[in-house]
Structure formats: C-alpha cells, structure tokens
Amino acid sequence: MITESGTRQVAEPFYADRQDGFIVECALAWTESTAERILSFVNGIPTPSGGTHENGLKNGLVKAVRNYLSVQNLIPKGLTIAAEDIREGLVAI
C-alpha cells in the first residue's frame, strides 16, 4: 500500500479501540519513511504539540516492542535498539 505522501506502507495497520468508561482508539502503521508522524487528539480536538497522552503512547509502544523482541529472543547480543529505531517510519493516529 502506498500512503498519501508516496511512501510504501510496510505492513497492515494495527487498530485497537476500547470503550469502558473512556473511548480510546489507536491506529499504527510503519512505512519506509525515516520520519515518524503522530496525530493525536483529546476530546476530538487535535493536539499538534503532543502532550502526556502522546508521550505515553510512544513510551508504551517502545516498551512493548522491546519486550516482544526480548521474549522472542530476536535481539542479537550486544545490540541496543534505540526508541528512535522503533518509531522510525511510524504513522499513528
């Protein structure tokens, strides 16, 4: 799939939602781009400067990917994966 900006999407987007008192929706996809693009909203209002919810998403995503790589024994010895490496090419809403 080719994105609007012309970069190729690497895999199918991941989508999750939850509605138990709070409504939370999240869609993630990685592209071949080197930039990360995150669009965040609070109560339907765009938050172009991010905020604690966006920082929480970034930190949680990095922690989850690192944990998966560790549990599946996919990290070669001596290699450290930086948060920026995990988020490279990320498109999130």
C-alpha atoms as a PDB file:
ATOM      1  CA  MET A   1       0.000   0.000   0.000  1.00  0.00           C
ATOM      2  CA  ILE A   2       1.262   3.483  -0.869  1.00  0.00           C
ATOM      3  CA  THR A   3       0.484   6.274   1.608  1.00  0.00           C
ATOM      4  CA  GLU A   4      -0.704   9.751   0.730  1.00  0.00           C
ATOM      5  CA  SER A   5       2.865  11.096   0.951  1.00  0.00           C
ATOM      6  CA  GLY A   6       4.089   8.457  -1.507  1.00  0.00           C
ATOM      7  CA  THR A   7       5.896   6.209   0.990  1.00  0.00           C
ATOM      8  CA  ARG A   8       5.214   2.488   0.935  1.00  0.00           C
ATOM      9  CA  GLN A   9       3.496   1.008   3.956  1.00  0.00           C
ATOM     10  CA  VAL A  10       5.451  -1.971   5.305  1.00  0.00           C
ATOM     11  CA  ALA A  11       2.561  -3.994   6.819  1.00  0.00           C
ATOM     12  CA  GLU A  12      -1.155  -3.862   7.501  1.00  0.00           C
ATOM     13  CA  PRO A  13      -2.129  -1.147  10.007  1.00  0.00           C
ATOM     14  CA  PHE A  14      -2.764  -2.173  13.612  1.00  0.00           C
ATOM     15  CA  TYR A  15      -6.037  -0.838  15.021  1.00  0.00           C
ATOM     16  CA  ALA A  16      -7.341  -1.060  18.589  1.00  0.00           C
ATOM     17  CA  ASP A  17     -10.247   0.513  20.410  1.00  0.00           C
ATOM     18  CA  ARG A  18     -11.642   0.324  23.912  1.00  0.00           C
ATOM     19  CA  GLN A  19     -14.886   1.633  25.360  1.00  0.00           C
ATOM     20  CA  ASP A  20     -15.300   1.017  29.078  1.00  0.00           C
ATOM     21  CA  GLY A  21     -15.972   4.419  30.566  1.00  0.00           C
ATOM     22  CA  PHE A  22     -13.450   6.057  28.236  1.00  0.00           C
ATOM     23  CA  ILE A  23     -13.311   5.815  24.470  1.00  0.00           C
ATOM     24  CA  VAL A  24      -9.810   5.151  23.187  1.00  0.00           C
ATOM     25  CA  GLU A  25      -8.914   4.469  19.561  1.00  0.00           C
ATOM     26  CA  CYS A  26      -5.472   3.975  18.081  1.00  0.00           C
ATOM     27  CA  ALA A  27      -4.178   3.070  14.620  1.00  0.00           C
ATOM     28  CA  LEU A  28      -0.498   2.327  13.961  1.00  0.00           C
ATOM     29  CA  ALA A  29       1.402   1.584  10.764  1.00  0.00           C
ATOM     30  CA  TRP A  30       5.041   1.653   9.739  1.00  0.00           C
ATOM     31  CA  THR A  31       6.252   2.989   6.407  1.00  0.00           C
ATOM     32  CA  GLU A  32       9.589   3.074   4.625  1.00  0.00           C
ATOM     33  CA  SER A  33       9.939   6.734   5.618  1.00  0.00           C
ATOM     34  CA  THR A  34      12.548   7.720   8.194  1.00  0.00           C
ATOM     35  CA  ALA A  35      10.230  10.231   9.863  1.00  0.00           C
ATOM     36  CA  GLU A  36       7.595   9.488  12.468  1.00  0.00           C
ATOM     37  CA  ARG A  37       4.175  11.086  12.158  1.00  0.00           C
ATOM     38  CA  ILE A  38       1.766  11.056  15.077  1.00  0.00           C
ATOM     39  CA  LEU A  39      -1.603  12.787  15.013  1.00  0.00           C
ATOM     40  CA  SER A  40      -3.150  12.986  18.462  1.00  0.00           C
ATOM     41  CA  PHE A  41      -6.498  14.220  19.708  1.00  0.00           C
ATOM     42  CA  VAL A  42      -8.153  14.863  23.071  1.00  0.00           C
ATOM     43  CA  ASN A  43     -11.958  15.009  23.138  1.00  0.00           C
ATOM     44  CA  GLY A  44     -11.892  15.218  19.337  1.00  0.00           C
ATOM     45  CA  ILE A  45      -9.602  18.276  19.385  1.00  0.00           C
ATOM     46  CA  PRO A  46      -6.231  17.993  17.614  1.00  0.00           C
ATOM     47  CA  THR A  47      -3.176  18.353  19.857  1.00  0.00           C
ATOM     48  CA  PRO A  48      -0.398  19.312  17.423  1.00  0.00           C
ATOM     49  CA  SER A  49       2.094  19.816  20.270  1.00  0.00           C
ATOM     50  CA  GLY A  50       1.512  16.309  21.595  1.00  0.00           C
ATOM     51  CA  GLY A  51       1.141  16.010  25.339  1.00  0.00           C
ATOM     52  CA  THR A  52       1.337  13.407  28.061  1.00  0.00           C
ATOM     53  CA  HIS A  53      -1.018  11.037  26.226  1.00  0.00           C
ATOM     54  CA  GLU A  54       1.219  11.108  23.140  1.00  0.00           C
ATOM     55  CA  ASN A  55       4.356  10.609  25.240  1.00  0.00           C
ATOM     56  CA  GLY A  56       2.623   7.692  26.975  1.00  0.00           C
ATOM     57  CA  LEU A  57       1.811   6.108  23.612  1.00  0.00           C
ATOM     58  CA  LYS A  58       5.406   6.489  22.411  1.00  0.00           C
ATOM     59  CA  ASN A  59       6.881   5.090  25.638  1.00  0.00           C
ATOM     60  CA  GLY A  60       4.387   2.231  25.827  1.00  0.00           C
ATOM     61  CA  LEU A  61       4.961   1.292  22.195  1.00  0.00           C
ATOM     62  CA  VAL A  62       8.730   1.230  22.639  1.00  0.00           C
ATOM     63  CA  LYS A  63       8.411  -0.836  25.812  1.00  0.00           C
ATOM     64  CA  ALA A  64       6.039  -3.324  24.139  1.00  0.00           C
ATOM     65  CA  VAL A  65       8.251  -3.786  21.057  1.00  0.00           C
ATOM     66  CA  ARG A  66      11.405  -4.199  23.161  1.00  0.00           C
ATOM     67  CA  ASN A  67       9.622  -6.734  25.384  1.00  0.00           C
ATOM     68  CA  TYR A  68       8.415  -8.708  22.341  1.00  0.00           C
ATOM     69  CA  LEU A  69      11.905  -8.741  20.819  1.00  0.00           C
ATOM     70  CA  SER A  70      13.380  -9.872  24.144  1.00  0.00           C
ATOM     71  CA  VAL A  71      10.804 -12.612  24.817  1.00  0.00           C
ATOM     72  CA  GLN A  72      11.137 -13.943  21.251  1.00  0.00           C
ATOM     73  CA  ASN A  73      14.942 -13.771  21.561  1.00  0.00           C
ATOM     74  CA  LEU A  74      15.224 -11.580  18.427  1.00  0.00           C
ATOM     75  CA  ILE A  75      17.871  -9.128  19.671  1.00  0.00           C
ATOM     76  CA  PRO A  76      21.454 -10.108  18.824  1.00  0.00           C
ATOM     77  CA  LYS A  77      23.853  -9.968  21.794  1.00  0.00           C
ATOM     78  CA  GLY A  78      25.452  -6.558  22.251  1.00  0.00           C
ATOM     79  CA  LEU A  79      22.869  -4.719  20.135  1.00  0.00           C
ATOM     80  CA  THR A  80      20.864  -1.953  21.757  1.00  0.00           C
ATOM     81  CA  ILE A  81      17.722  -0.831  19.985  1.00  0.00           C
ATOM     82  CA  ALA A  82      17.018   2.872  20.495  1.00  0.00           C
ATOM     83  CA  ALA A  83      13.491   4.219  20.889  1.00  0.00           C
ATOM     84  CA  GLU A  84      14.009   6.225  17.691  1.00  0.00           C
ATOM     85  CA  ASP A  85      14.758   2.992  15.800  1.00  0.00           C
ATOM     86  CA  ILE A  86      11.427   1.506  16.851  1.00  0.00           C
ATOM     87  CA  ARG A  87       9.449   4.646  15.994  1.00  0.00           C
ATOM     88  CA  GLU A  88      11.180   5.267  12.653  1.00  0.00           C
ATOM     89  CA  GLY A  89       8.575   5.316   9.898  1.00  0.00           C
ATOM     90  CA  LEU A  90       5.684   5.166  12.389  1.00  0.00           C
ATOM     91  CA  VAL A  91       2.372   6.715  11.406  1.00  0.00           C
ATOM     92  CA  ALA A  92      -0.080   6.853  14.313  1.00  0.00           C
ATOM     93  CA  ILE A  93      -3.481   8.354  14.923  1.00  0.00           C
END
